[in-house]
Amino acid sequence: MPRPFWEPVVTSAFSRLNATLYACARSLRNLAAHGQVRGVSFNLPDAPVTTYGCLAFLILLSLYIMFGMTNPHWYYSLIAGIVILVGTDIGYEISTRHVAKHGLSELGRSHPSEHDKIGTDVR
C-alpha cells in the first residue's frame, strides 16, 4: 500500500518545528546563563495540564508510528521504540544526577584551558 501523500509533509513539518524549538531553547538558556535575561521559566502555560496534554500527544504519535500496520515488519518499529524509550530514560537519569552533583555548566566557554588567568576568552 502506498504512503499517503501528506505523510512526508507532516514529517518535514514536525522535524522543522523540533529544530526551531531546540534552537530557541538553547538561545534562551545561553542568554540566561550570561545574565542577559531575568526570570526565565521553562514551564508551559497552564502547567501541568498542558504538560500532560503534550505527553499524551507524543504517546499517541509514537503509537501511531510504531503500530503502522502497513509494514509487514511492524514489530521492528515496536522494538526500536522501546529501545529509544529506555535509552532516553537512562540518559535523562544520568543527566539529572550529573546536574544535581555538578550544577549546570556555563555556556559559551568550551574548556577552561581556552581562557587566560583573569577569565577572558583567549580565542
N, C-alpha and C. Protein backbone atom coordinates (compact mmCIF):
# COMPACT_ATOMS: atom_id res chain seq x y z
N MET A 1 0.85 -1.17 0.00
CA MET A 1 0.00 0.00 0.00
C MET A 1 0.89 1.24 0.00
N PRO A 2 0.65 2.19 -0.89
CA PRO A 2 1.49 3.40 -0.95
C PRO A 2 1.24 4.31 0.25
N ARG A 3 2.26 5.06 0.56
CA ARG A 3 2.16 6.01 1.67
C ARG A 3 1.22 7.15 1.29
N PRO A 4 0.50 7.68 2.26
CA PRO A 4 -0.35 8.85 1.96
C PRO A 4 0.51 10.02 1.50
N PHE A 5 -0.05 10.86 0.65
CA PHE A 5 0.70 11.97 0.09
C PHE A 5 1.12 12.98 1.15
N TRP A 6 0.39 13.07 2.25
CA TRP A 6 0.66 14.08 3.27
C TRP A 6 1.69 13.65 4.29
N GLU A 7 2.04 12.38 4.32
CA GLU A 7 2.96 11.89 5.35
C GLU A 7 4.33 12.55 5.30
N PRO A 8 4.99 12.69 4.14
CA PRO A 8 6.29 13.37 4.12
C PRO A 8 6.19 14.84 4.52
N VAL A 9 5.06 15.48 4.18
CA VAL A 9 4.88 16.88 4.53
C VAL A 9 4.77 17.03 6.05
N VAL A 10 4.00 16.17 6.69
CA VAL A 10 3.85 16.23 8.15
C VAL A 10 5.16 15.91 8.83
N THR A 11 5.87 14.91 8.33
CA THR A 11 7.17 14.55 8.91
C THR A 11 8.14 15.72 8.81
N SER A 12 8.18 16.36 7.66
CA SER A 12 9.06 17.51 7.47
C SER A 12 8.66 18.67 8.39
N ALA A 13 7.36 18.90 8.54
CA ALA A 13 6.90 19.99 9.39
C ALA A 13 7.27 19.74 10.85
N PHE A 14 7.08 18.52 11.33
CA PHE A 14 7.44 18.20 12.71
C PHE A 14 8.95 18.30 12.93
N SER A 15 9.72 17.89 11.94
CA SER A 15 11.17 17.99 12.05
C SER A 15 11.61 19.45 12.13
N ARG A 16 11.03 20.28 11.32
CA ARG A 16 11.36 21.71 11.33
C ARG A 16 10.94 22.35 12.66
N LEU A 17 9.77 21.99 13.14
CA LEU A 17 9.29 22.51 14.42
C LEU A 17 10.21 22.10 15.56
N ASN A 18 10.64 20.85 15.56
CA ASN A 18 11.53 20.35 16.60
C ASN A 18 12.86 21.12 16.57
N ALA A 19 13.41 21.33 15.39
CA ALA A 19 14.68 22.05 15.27
C ALA A 19 14.54 23.49 15.73
N THR A 20 13.43 24.12 15.40
CA THR A 20 13.21 25.51 15.81
C THR A 20 13.06 25.62 17.32
N LEU A 21 12.29 24.72 17.92
CA LEU A 21 12.12 24.74 19.38
C LEU A 21 13.45 24.50 20.09
N TYR A 22 14.25 23.59 19.57
CA TYR A 22 15.54 23.32 20.18
C TYR A 22 16.45 24.55 20.09
N ALA A 23 16.50 25.17 18.93
CA ALA A 23 17.36 26.35 18.75
C ALA A 23 16.91 27.49 19.66
N CYS A 24 15.62 27.70 19.79
CA CYS A 24 15.12 28.78 20.65
C CYS A 24 15.42 28.49 22.12
N ALA A 25 15.23 27.26 22.55
CA ALA A 25 15.51 26.91 23.95
C ALA A 25 16.99 27.07 24.27
N ARG A 26 17.85 26.65 23.35
CA ARG A 26 19.30 26.80 23.59
C ARG A 26 19.70 28.27 23.62
N SER A 27 19.13 29.07 22.75
CA SER A 27 19.44 30.51 22.74
C SER A 27 18.98 31.16 24.03
N LEU A 28 17.78 30.83 24.49
CA LEU A 28 17.27 31.39 25.73
C LEU A 28 18.11 30.96 26.93
N ARG A 29 18.52 29.70 26.95
CA ARG A 29 19.36 29.22 28.05
C ARG A 29 20.72 29.92 28.04
N ASN A 30 21.26 30.15 26.86
CA ASN A 30 22.54 30.85 26.74
C ASN A 30 22.42 32.29 27.24
N LEU A 31 21.34 32.97 26.87
CA LEU A 31 21.12 34.33 27.35
C LEU A 31 20.95 34.36 28.87
N ALA A 32 20.23 33.40 29.41
CA ALA A 32 20.02 33.35 30.86
C ALA A 32 21.34 33.05 31.59
N ALA A 33 22.17 32.19 31.01
CA ALA A 33 23.45 31.86 31.65
C ALA A 33 24.39 33.05 31.69
N HIS A 34 24.24 33.99 30.76
CA HIS A 34 25.10 35.18 30.73
C HIS A 34 24.42 36.40 31.35
N GLY A 35 23.29 36.19 32.03
CA GLY A 35 22.63 37.26 32.75
C GLY A 35 21.94 38.29 31.88
N GLN A 36 21.67 37.98 30.65
CA GLN A 36 21.02 38.92 29.75
C GLN A 36 19.50 38.81 29.80
N VAL A 37 18.98 37.77 30.44
CA VAL A 37 17.54 37.56 30.58
C VAL A 37 17.27 37.22 32.03
N ARG A 38 16.26 37.86 32.63
CA ARG A 38 15.89 37.54 34.01
C ARG A 38 14.55 36.81 34.03
N GLY A 39 14.35 36.04 35.08
CA GLY A 39 13.07 35.40 35.30
C GLY A 39 12.67 34.39 34.25
N VAL A 40 13.60 33.56 33.82
CA VAL A 40 13.29 32.57 32.80
C VAL A 40 12.61 31.38 33.47
N SER A 41 11.45 31.02 32.96
CA SER A 41 10.72 29.86 33.44
C SER A 41 10.47 28.95 32.25
N PHE A 42 10.79 27.69 32.40
CA PHE A 42 10.63 26.75 31.30
C PHE A 42 9.33 25.96 31.43
N ASN A 43 8.41 26.40 32.30
CA ASN A 43 7.13 25.73 32.41
C ASN A 43 6.20 26.19 31.29
N LEU A 44 5.39 25.27 30.82
CA LEU A 44 4.38 25.62 29.83
C LEU A 44 3.29 26.44 30.51
N PRO A 45 2.60 27.28 29.77
CA PRO A 45 1.46 27.97 30.36
C PRO A 45 0.41 26.96 30.80
N ASP A 46 -0.24 27.23 31.91
CA ASP A 46 -1.26 26.35 32.49
C ASP A 46 -0.72 24.97 32.83
N ALA A 47 0.57 24.90 33.19
CA ALA A 47 1.16 23.63 33.61
C ALA A 47 0.47 23.20 34.90
N PRO A 48 0.29 21.96 35.15
CA PRO A 48 0.75 20.76 34.46
C PRO A 48 -0.23 20.23 33.42
N VAL A 49 -1.38 20.89 33.23
CA VAL A 49 -2.37 20.38 32.27
C VAL A 49 -1.79 20.33 30.86
N THR A 50 -1.13 21.40 30.43
CA THR A 50 -0.56 21.41 29.08
C THR A 50 0.59 20.42 28.95
N THR A 51 1.32 20.21 30.03
CA THR A 51 2.40 19.23 30.00
C THR A 51 1.84 17.83 29.75
N TYR A 52 0.79 17.49 30.47
CA TYR A 52 0.17 16.17 30.27
C TYR A 52 -0.46 16.06 28.88
N GLY A 53 -1.01 17.15 28.38
CA GLY A 53 -1.56 17.14 27.03
C GLY A 53 -0.49 16.88 25.99
N CYS A 54 0.66 17.53 26.14
CA CYS A 54 1.78 17.30 25.21
C CYS A 54 2.29 15.88 25.30
N LEU A 55 2.40 15.36 26.52
CA LEU A 55 2.86 13.97 26.68
C LEU A 55 1.87 12.99 26.06
N ALA A 56 0.58 13.23 26.24
CA ALA A 56 -0.43 12.35 25.63
C ALA A 56 -0.33 12.40 24.11
N PHE A 57 -0.14 13.60 23.54
CA PHE A 57 0.00 13.72 22.10
C PHE A 57 1.23 12.97 21.60
N LEU A 58 2.35 13.10 22.30
CA LEU A 58 3.57 12.40 21.88
C LEU A 58 3.42 10.89 21.99
N ILE A 59 2.72 10.43 23.03
CA ILE A 59 2.49 8.99 23.17
C ILE A 59 1.61 8.48 22.03
N LEU A 60 0.54 9.22 21.72
CA LEU A 60 -0.33 8.81 20.62
C LEU A 60 0.41 8.82 19.28
N LEU A 61 1.24 9.83 19.06
CA LEU A 61 2.02 9.90 17.82
C LEU A 61 3.01 8.73 17.75
N SER A 62 3.64 8.42 18.86
CA SER A 62 4.58 7.30 18.88
C SER A 62 3.87 5.99 18.61
N LEU A 63 2.69 5.80 19.21
CA LEU A 63 1.95 4.57 18.95
C LEU A 63 1.52 4.47 17.50
N TYR A 64 1.13 5.60 16.92
CA TYR A 64 0.76 5.61 15.50
C TYR A 64 1.94 5.20 14.63
N ILE A 65 3.11 5.71 14.98
CA ILE A 65 4.31 5.39 14.20
C ILE A 65 4.71 3.93 14.42
N MET A 66 4.70 3.48 15.68
CA MET A 66 5.15 2.12 15.98
C MET A 66 4.21 1.05 15.44
N PHE A 67 2.92 1.32 15.49
CA PHE A 67 1.95 0.30 15.08
C PHE A 67 1.36 0.59 13.71
N GLY A 68 2.16 1.18 12.84
CA GLY A 68 1.71 1.37 11.46
C GLY A 68 1.66 0.00 10.80
N MET A 69 0.48 -0.56 10.76
CA MET A 69 0.32 -1.94 10.30
C MET A 69 0.51 -2.10 8.79
N THR A 70 0.79 -1.02 8.08
CA THR A 70 1.01 -1.15 6.64
C THR A 70 2.30 -1.88 6.34
N ASN A 71 3.24 -1.84 7.28
CA ASN A 71 4.53 -2.53 7.11
C ASN A 71 4.39 -3.94 7.68
N PRO A 72 4.76 -4.97 6.91
CA PRO A 72 4.64 -6.33 7.45
C PRO A 72 5.61 -6.61 8.60
N HIS A 73 6.63 -5.79 8.76
CA HIS A 73 7.58 -5.97 9.86
C HIS A 73 7.41 -4.87 10.90
N TRP A 74 6.18 -4.59 11.30
CA TRP A 74 5.87 -3.51 12.23
C TRP A 74 6.50 -3.75 13.59
N TYR A 75 6.76 -4.99 13.94
CA TYR A 75 7.33 -5.29 15.26
C TYR A 75 8.75 -4.74 15.39
N TYR A 76 9.47 -4.53 14.28
CA TYR A 76 10.78 -3.89 14.37
C TYR A 76 10.64 -2.45 14.87
N SER A 77 9.60 -1.77 14.41
CA SER A 77 9.35 -0.42 14.89
C SER A 77 9.01 -0.41 16.38
N LEU A 78 8.26 -1.41 16.81
CA LEU A 78 7.92 -1.51 18.23
C LEU A 78 9.17 -1.73 19.07
N ILE A 79 10.03 -2.62 18.65
CA ILE A 79 11.28 -2.88 19.38
C ILE A 79 12.15 -1.63 19.40
N ALA A 80 12.27 -0.95 18.26
CA ALA A 80 13.07 0.27 18.20
C ALA A 80 12.48 1.34 19.11
N GLY A 81 11.16 1.47 19.15
CA GLY A 81 10.52 2.44 20.03
C GLY A 81 10.80 2.15 21.49
N ILE A 82 10.76 0.89 21.87
CA ILE A 82 11.06 0.52 23.26
C ILE A 82 12.51 0.81 23.59
N VAL A 83 13.42 0.49 22.67
CA VAL A 83 14.85 0.76 22.90
C VAL A 83 15.09 2.27 23.04
N ILE A 84 14.46 3.06 22.19
CA ILE A 84 14.61 4.52 22.26
C ILE A 84 14.05 5.05 23.57
N LEU A 85 12.89 4.54 23.99
CA LEU A 85 12.28 4.98 25.24
C LEU A 85 13.16 4.66 26.44
N VAL A 86 13.69 3.45 26.49
CA VAL A 86 14.56 3.06 27.60
C VAL A 86 15.86 3.86 27.55
N GLY A 87 16.44 4.04 26.36
CA GLY A 87 17.67 4.82 26.23
C GLY A 87 17.47 6.27 26.64
N THR A 88 16.33 6.84 26.28
CA THR A 88 16.04 8.22 26.67
C THR A 88 15.89 8.33 28.18
N ASP A 89 15.23 7.35 28.79
CA ASP A 89 15.06 7.37 30.24
C ASP A 89 16.40 7.25 30.95
N ILE A 90 17.26 6.38 30.48
CA ILE A 90 18.59 6.23 31.09
C ILE A 90 19.40 7.51 30.92
N GLY A 91 19.37 8.10 29.73
CA GLY A 91 20.08 9.36 29.51
C GLY A 91 19.57 10.48 30.39
N TYR A 92 18.25 10.54 30.57
CA TYR A 92 17.66 11.56 31.44
C TYR A 92 18.12 11.38 32.89
N GLU A 93 18.12 10.15 33.36
CA GLU A 93 18.55 9.90 34.74
C GLU A 93 20.02 10.26 34.93
N ILE A 94 20.85 9.91 33.98
CA ILE A 94 22.27 10.23 34.08
C ILE A 94 22.48 11.74 34.08
N SER A 95 21.81 12.45 33.18
CA SER A 95 22.00 13.91 33.13
C SER A 95 21.42 14.59 34.36
N THR A 96 20.30 14.10 34.89
CA THR A 96 19.73 14.69 36.10
C THR A 96 20.67 14.53 37.28
N ARG A 97 21.26 13.37 37.42
CA ARG A 97 22.21 13.14 38.52
C ARG A 97 23.47 13.98 38.35
N HIS A 98 23.92 14.15 37.11
CA HIS A 98 25.10 14.97 36.85
C HIS A 98 24.84 16.43 37.20
N VAL A 99 23.67 16.95 36.81
CA VAL A 99 23.33 18.33 37.12
C VAL A 99 23.16 18.51 38.62
N ALA A 100 22.56 17.54 39.30
CA ALA A 100 22.39 17.64 40.75
C ALA A 100 23.73 17.65 41.46
N LYS A 101 24.69 16.93 40.93
CA LYS A 101 26.01 16.85 41.57
C LYS A 101 26.91 18.03 41.21
N HIS A 102 26.91 18.43 39.92
CA HIS A 102 27.86 19.44 39.44
C HIS A 102 27.21 20.77 39.07
N GLY A 103 25.91 20.82 38.95
CA GLY A 103 25.23 22.03 38.50
C GLY A 103 25.33 22.15 36.99
N LEU A 104 24.66 23.18 36.46
CA LEU A 104 24.71 23.41 35.02
C LEU A 104 26.02 24.07 34.64
N SER A 105 26.60 23.62 33.55
CA SER A 105 27.84 24.22 33.10
C SER A 105 27.54 25.57 32.46
N GLU A 106 28.52 26.45 32.51
CA GLU A 106 28.34 27.75 31.88
C GLU A 106 28.45 27.59 30.38
N LEU A 107 27.53 28.18 29.68
CA LEU A 107 27.54 28.08 28.22
C LEU A 107 28.45 29.13 27.63
N GLY A 108 28.98 28.85 26.47
CA GLY A 108 29.82 29.82 25.78
C GLY A 108 31.30 29.58 25.98
N ARG A 109 31.66 28.85 26.99
CA ARG A 109 33.07 28.51 27.20
C ARG A 109 33.24 27.01 26.98
N SER A 110 34.08 26.66 26.07
CA SER A 110 34.23 25.26 25.73
C SER A 110 35.05 24.50 26.76
N HIS A 111 36.16 25.07 27.16
CA HIS A 111 37.07 24.38 28.06
C HIS A 111 37.85 25.42 28.84
N PRO A 112 38.11 25.17 30.13
CA PRO A 112 38.84 26.17 30.91
C PRO A 112 40.23 26.50 30.38
N SER A 113 40.86 25.57 29.65
CA SER A 113 42.20 25.84 29.14
C SER A 113 42.18 26.89 28.02
N GLU A 114 41.02 27.23 27.48
CA GLU A 114 40.92 28.22 26.42
C GLU A 114 40.83 29.64 26.97
N HIS A 115 40.96 29.80 28.27
CA HIS A 115 40.82 31.11 28.91
C HIS A 115 42.11 31.43 29.67
N ASP A 116 42.44 32.72 29.73
CA ASP A 116 43.63 33.07 30.47
C ASP A 116 43.30 33.16 31.97
N LYS A 117 44.24 33.62 32.78
CA LYS A 117 44.07 33.58 34.24
C LYS A 117 43.04 34.56 34.77
N ILE A 118 42.73 35.62 34.04
CA ILE A 118 41.74 36.57 34.54
C ILE A 118 40.34 36.26 34.03
N GLY A 119 40.17 35.18 33.30
CA GLY A 119 38.86 34.73 32.89
C GLY A 119 38.36 35.25 31.57
N THR A 120 39.20 35.92 30.80
CA THR A 120 38.73 36.39 29.49
C THR A 120 39.00 35.32 28.45
N ASP A 121 38.27 35.39 27.40
CA ASP A 121 38.37 34.41 26.34
C ASP A 121 39.62 34.66 25.50
N VAL A 122 40.41 33.59 25.28
CA VAL A 122 41.66 33.71 24.54
C VAL A 122 41.42 33.58 23.04
N ARG A 123 40.34 32.97 22.63
CA ARG A 123 40.10 32.72 21.21
C ARG A 123 40.16 33.92 20.37
